Amino acid sequence: MSQEKKTRLTVEIHNRSYTIVGEESASHVRLVASLVDQKMKEIQEANPQLDTASLAVLTAVNSMNDYLKLKEDYAALLGSQKKKEEK
């Protein structure tokens, strides 16, 4: 990654500020941060006794589970499309 293309942005997640550096647009980084914050709030509402570290790990586990399900669905969709094209 070249320094010129990097975006540096400070976002707030779970009442803490984080500086994110990457090649994605500022709007994309804000959206990702907002979704993480929202997921953490949802999990905390259901489990108010969780400390921040446990809440962060549960958020990561839930997010990765969602990601893997979407990846599997995408692979199945591609397979279905390929079969249709072969007919």
N, C-alpha and C. Protein backbone atom coordinates (compact mmCIF):
# COMPACT_ATOMS: atom_id res chain seq x y z
N MET A 1 0.84 -1.18 0.00
CA MET A 1 0.00 0.00 0.00
C MET A 1 0.88 1.25 0.00
N SER A 2 0.63 2.13 -0.89
CA SER A 2 1.40 3.37 -0.89
C SER A 2 0.80 4.36 0.09
N GLN A 3 1.67 5.19 0.65
CA GLN A 3 1.23 6.18 1.63
C GLN A 3 0.24 7.15 1.01
N GLU A 4 0.38 7.46 -0.27
CA GLU A 4 -0.46 8.45 -0.93
C GLU A 4 -1.92 8.02 -1.00
N LYS A 5 -2.18 6.75 -1.11
CA LYS A 5 -3.55 6.26 -1.27
C LYS A 5 -4.26 6.01 0.05
N LYS A 6 -3.54 6.06 1.14
CA LYS A 6 -4.13 5.73 2.43
C LYS A 6 -5.04 6.84 2.94
N THR A 7 -6.14 6.43 3.53
CA THR A 7 -7.06 7.35 4.19
C THR A 7 -6.91 7.15 5.68
N ARG A 8 -6.85 8.22 6.42
CA ARG A 8 -6.77 8.16 7.89
C ARG A 8 -8.03 8.83 8.41
N LEU A 9 -8.78 8.08 9.23
CA LEU A 9 -10.05 8.58 9.72
C LEU A 9 -10.26 8.12 11.15
N THR A 10 -10.75 9.01 11.99
CA THR A 10 -11.07 8.65 13.37
C THR A 10 -12.57 8.39 13.46
N VAL A 11 -12.91 7.22 14.00
CA VAL A 11 -14.31 6.82 14.15
C VAL A 11 -14.57 6.47 15.61
N GLU A 12 -15.84 6.43 15.97
CA GLU A 12 -16.19 6.04 17.32
C GLU A 12 -16.95 4.73 17.29
N ILE A 13 -16.45 3.78 18.07
CA ILE A 13 -17.09 2.47 18.20
C ILE A 13 -17.19 2.16 19.69
N HIS A 14 -18.38 1.91 20.14
CA HIS A 14 -18.64 1.58 21.55
C HIS A 14 -18.03 2.63 22.48
N ASN A 15 -18.32 3.89 22.14
CA ASN A 15 -17.89 5.04 22.95
C ASN A 15 -16.38 5.20 23.08
N ARG A 16 -15.63 4.66 22.12
CA ARG A 16 -14.18 4.84 22.08
C ARG A 16 -13.78 5.28 20.69
N SER A 17 -12.78 6.13 20.61
CA SER A 17 -12.28 6.60 19.32
C SER A 17 -11.18 5.68 18.81
N TYR A 18 -11.24 5.39 17.51
CA TYR A 18 -10.23 4.57 16.85
C TYR A 18 -9.83 5.27 15.56
N THR A 19 -8.54 5.29 15.29
CA THR A 19 -8.05 5.83 14.02
C THR A 19 -7.85 4.66 13.07
N ILE A 20 -8.53 4.73 11.96
CA ILE A 20 -8.49 3.67 10.95
C ILE A 20 -7.67 4.20 9.77
N VAL A 21 -6.71 3.42 9.31
CA VAL A 21 -5.89 3.79 8.17
C VAL A 21 -6.05 2.71 7.11
N GLY A 22 -6.38 3.11 5.89
CA GLY A 22 -6.54 2.13 4.83
C GLY A 22 -6.80 2.78 3.49
N GLU A 23 -6.99 1.97 2.49
CA GLU A 23 -7.21 2.47 1.13
C GLU A 23 -8.69 2.72 0.83
N GLU A 24 -9.58 2.30 1.68
CA GLU A 24 -11.00 2.47 1.44
C GLU A 24 -11.40 3.94 1.61
N SER A 25 -12.51 4.30 1.01
CA SER A 25 -12.99 5.67 1.12
C SER A 25 -13.44 5.96 2.55
N ALA A 26 -13.47 7.22 2.89
CA ALA A 26 -13.91 7.64 4.23
C ALA A 26 -15.34 7.17 4.49
N SER A 27 -16.21 7.26 3.48
CA SER A 27 -17.60 6.84 3.67
C SER A 27 -17.69 5.35 3.94
N HIS A 28 -16.84 4.56 3.31
CA HIS A 28 -16.83 3.11 3.54
C HIS A 28 -16.37 2.81 4.97
N VAL A 29 -15.32 3.47 5.40
CA VAL A 29 -14.80 3.25 6.76
C VAL A 29 -15.85 3.65 7.79
N ARG A 30 -16.53 4.78 7.56
CA ARG A 30 -17.59 5.20 8.49
C ARG A 30 -18.72 4.18 8.53
N LEU A 31 -19.08 3.63 7.39
CA LEU A 31 -20.15 2.62 7.35
C LEU A 31 -19.74 1.37 8.12
N VAL A 32 -18.53 0.89 7.91
CA VAL A 32 -18.05 -0.29 8.62
C VAL A 32 -18.05 -0.03 10.13
N ALA A 33 -17.53 1.11 10.53
CA ALA A 33 -17.49 1.44 11.96
C ALA A 33 -18.89 1.52 12.54
N SER A 34 -19.81 2.10 11.80
CA SER A 34 -21.19 2.21 12.26
C SER A 34 -21.84 0.84 12.42
N LEU A 35 -21.57 -0.06 11.49
CA LEU A 35 -22.13 -1.42 11.57
C LEU A 35 -21.54 -2.19 12.75
N VAL A 36 -20.24 -2.03 13.01
CA VAL A 36 -19.62 -2.68 14.16
C VAL A 36 -20.23 -2.14 15.44
N ASP A 37 -20.37 -0.81 15.53
CA ASP A 37 -20.95 -0.18 16.71
C ASP A 37 -22.39 -0.68 16.93
N GLN A 38 -23.15 -0.76 15.85
CA GLN A 38 -24.54 -1.23 15.94
C GLN A 38 -24.59 -2.68 16.43
N LYS A 39 -23.73 -3.53 15.89
CA LYS A 39 -23.70 -4.95 16.28
C LYS A 39 -23.31 -5.07 17.76
N MET A 40 -22.35 -4.26 18.20
CA MET A 40 -21.95 -4.31 19.61
C MET A 40 -23.10 -3.88 20.51
N LYS A 41 -23.85 -2.87 20.11
CA LYS A 41 -25.01 -2.42 20.90
C LYS A 41 -26.06 -3.52 21.00
N GLU A 42 -26.33 -4.20 19.87
CA GLU A 42 -27.31 -5.29 19.86
C GLU A 42 -26.90 -6.40 20.83
N ILE A 43 -25.64 -6.79 20.75
CA ILE A 43 -25.16 -7.88 21.60
C ILE A 43 -25.16 -7.45 23.07
N GLN A 44 -24.77 -6.21 23.34
CA GLN A 44 -24.74 -5.72 24.72
C GLN A 44 -26.14 -5.64 25.31
N GLU A 45 -27.13 -5.26 24.50
CA GLU A 45 -28.51 -5.21 24.99
C GLU A 45 -28.99 -6.59 25.43
N ALA A 46 -28.57 -7.62 24.71
CA ALA A 46 -28.97 -8.98 25.05
C ALA A 46 -28.12 -9.57 26.17
N ASN A 47 -26.92 -9.01 26.37
CA ASN A 47 -25.98 -9.52 27.37
C ASN A 47 -25.32 -8.36 28.11
N PRO A 48 -26.07 -7.64 28.94
CA PRO A 48 -25.53 -6.43 29.58
C PRO A 48 -24.37 -6.68 30.54
N GLN A 49 -24.17 -7.91 30.96
CA GLN A 49 -23.10 -8.21 31.91
C GLN A 49 -21.73 -8.33 31.25
N LEU A 50 -21.66 -8.36 29.93
CA LEU A 50 -20.38 -8.56 29.23
C LEU A 50 -19.44 -7.38 29.40
N ASP A 51 -18.16 -7.70 29.63
CA ASP A 51 -17.16 -6.63 29.63
C ASP A 51 -16.81 -6.31 28.16
N THR A 52 -16.08 -5.24 27.96
CA THR A 52 -15.79 -4.77 26.59
C THR A 52 -15.04 -5.80 25.77
N ALA A 53 -14.07 -6.47 26.37
CA ALA A 53 -13.29 -7.47 25.62
C ALA A 53 -14.18 -8.63 25.17
N SER A 54 -15.01 -9.13 26.06
CA SER A 54 -15.92 -10.22 25.70
C SER A 54 -16.92 -9.77 24.65
N LEU A 55 -17.41 -8.56 24.79
CA LEU A 55 -18.34 -8.00 23.82
C LEU A 55 -17.69 -7.89 22.44
N ALA A 56 -16.44 -7.45 22.41
CA ALA A 56 -15.72 -7.33 21.14
C ALA A 56 -15.52 -8.69 20.49
N VAL A 57 -15.17 -9.70 21.29
CA VAL A 57 -14.96 -11.04 20.74
C VAL A 57 -16.27 -11.60 20.21
N LEU A 58 -17.35 -11.46 20.96
CA LEU A 58 -18.66 -11.94 20.49
C LEU A 58 -19.08 -11.22 19.22
N THR A 59 -18.81 -9.95 19.13
CA THR A 59 -19.13 -9.18 17.92
C THR A 59 -18.33 -9.72 16.74
N ALA A 60 -17.05 -9.99 16.96
CA ALA A 60 -16.21 -10.54 15.89
C ALA A 60 -16.71 -11.92 15.47
N VAL A 61 -17.07 -12.77 16.43
CA VAL A 61 -17.56 -14.11 16.11
C VAL A 61 -18.87 -14.04 15.32
N ASN A 62 -19.79 -13.18 15.76
CA ASN A 62 -21.05 -13.01 15.05
C ASN A 62 -20.83 -12.48 13.64
N SER A 63 -19.94 -11.51 13.50
CA SER A 63 -19.66 -10.92 12.19
C SER A 63 -19.02 -11.94 11.25
N MET A 64 -18.09 -12.73 11.76
CA MET A 64 -17.44 -13.75 10.93
C MET A 64 -18.44 -14.84 10.54
N ASN A 65 -19.35 -15.19 11.44
CA ASN A 65 -20.39 -16.15 11.12
C ASN A 65 -21.26 -15.62 9.98
N ASP A 66 -21.67 -14.36 10.07
CA ASP A 66 -22.47 -13.75 9.00
C ASP A 66 -21.70 -13.75 7.68
N TYR A 67 -20.41 -13.41 7.75
CA TYR A 67 -19.56 -13.38 6.56
C TYR A 67 -19.47 -14.76 5.91
N LEU A 68 -19.23 -15.79 6.71
CA LEU A 68 -19.12 -17.14 6.16
C LEU A 68 -20.42 -17.62 5.54
N LYS A 69 -21.55 -17.29 6.16
CA LYS A 69 -22.84 -17.65 5.58
C LYS A 69 -23.04 -16.98 4.23
N LEU A 70 -22.70 -15.69 4.15
CA LEU A 70 -22.82 -14.96 2.88
C LEU A 70 -21.88 -15.54 1.82
N LYS A 71 -20.68 -15.91 2.24
CA LYS A 71 -19.71 -16.49 1.31
C LYS A 71 -20.22 -17.83 0.76
N GLU A 72 -20.80 -18.64 1.64
CA GLU A 72 -21.38 -19.91 1.21
C GLU A 72 -22.55 -19.68 0.26
N ASP A 73 -23.42 -18.74 0.59
CA ASP A 73 -24.55 -18.42 -0.29
C ASP A 73 -24.07 -17.94 -1.65
N TYR A 74 -23.02 -17.12 -1.66
CA TYR A 74 -22.46 -16.61 -2.91
C TYR A 74 -21.90 -17.75 -3.75
N ALA A 75 -21.17 -18.67 -3.10
CA ALA A 75 -20.61 -19.82 -3.83
C ALA A 75 -21.72 -20.68 -4.41
N ALA A 76 -22.79 -20.89 -3.64
CA ALA A 76 -23.92 -21.67 -4.13
C ALA A 76 -24.59 -20.98 -5.31
N LEU A 77 -24.72 -19.67 -5.23
CA LEU A 77 -25.32 -18.90 -6.31
C LEU A 77 -24.47 -18.99 -7.58
N LEU A 78 -23.16 -18.88 -7.42
CA LEU A 78 -22.27 -19.01 -8.58
C LEU A 78 -22.37 -20.40 -9.20
N GLY A 79 -22.43 -21.43 -8.35
CA GLY A 79 -22.58 -22.79 -8.83
C GLY A 79 -23.88 -22.98 -9.59
N SER A 80 -24.95 -22.41 -9.07
CA SER A 80 -26.26 -22.49 -9.72
C SER A 80 -26.23 -21.78 -11.07
N GLN A 81 -25.59 -20.63 -11.10
CA GLN A 81 -25.51 -19.86 -12.35
C GLN A 81 -24.68 -20.63 -13.37
N LYS A 82 -23.60 -21.25 -12.93
CA LYS A 82 -22.74 -22.00 -13.84
C LYS A 82 -23.49 -23.18 -14.46
N LYS A 83 -24.31 -23.87 -13.62
CA LYS A 83 -25.10 -24.99 -14.13
C LYS A 83 -26.09 -24.54 -15.18
N LYS A 84 -26.72 -23.39 -14.95
CA LYS A 84 -27.68 -22.85 -15.93
C LYS A 84 -26.99 -22.50 -17.24
N GLU A 85 -25.79 -21.97 -17.16
CA GLU A 85 -25.05 -21.59 -18.35
C GLU A 85 -24.61 -22.81 -19.16
N GLU A 86 -24.39 -23.94 -18.46
CA GLU A 86 -23.94 -25.15 -19.14
C GLU A 86 -25.07 -25.86 -19.88
N LYS A 87 -26.29 -25.54 -19.54
CA LYS A 87 -27.44 -26.20 -20.17
C LYS A 87 -27.70 -25.68 -21.55
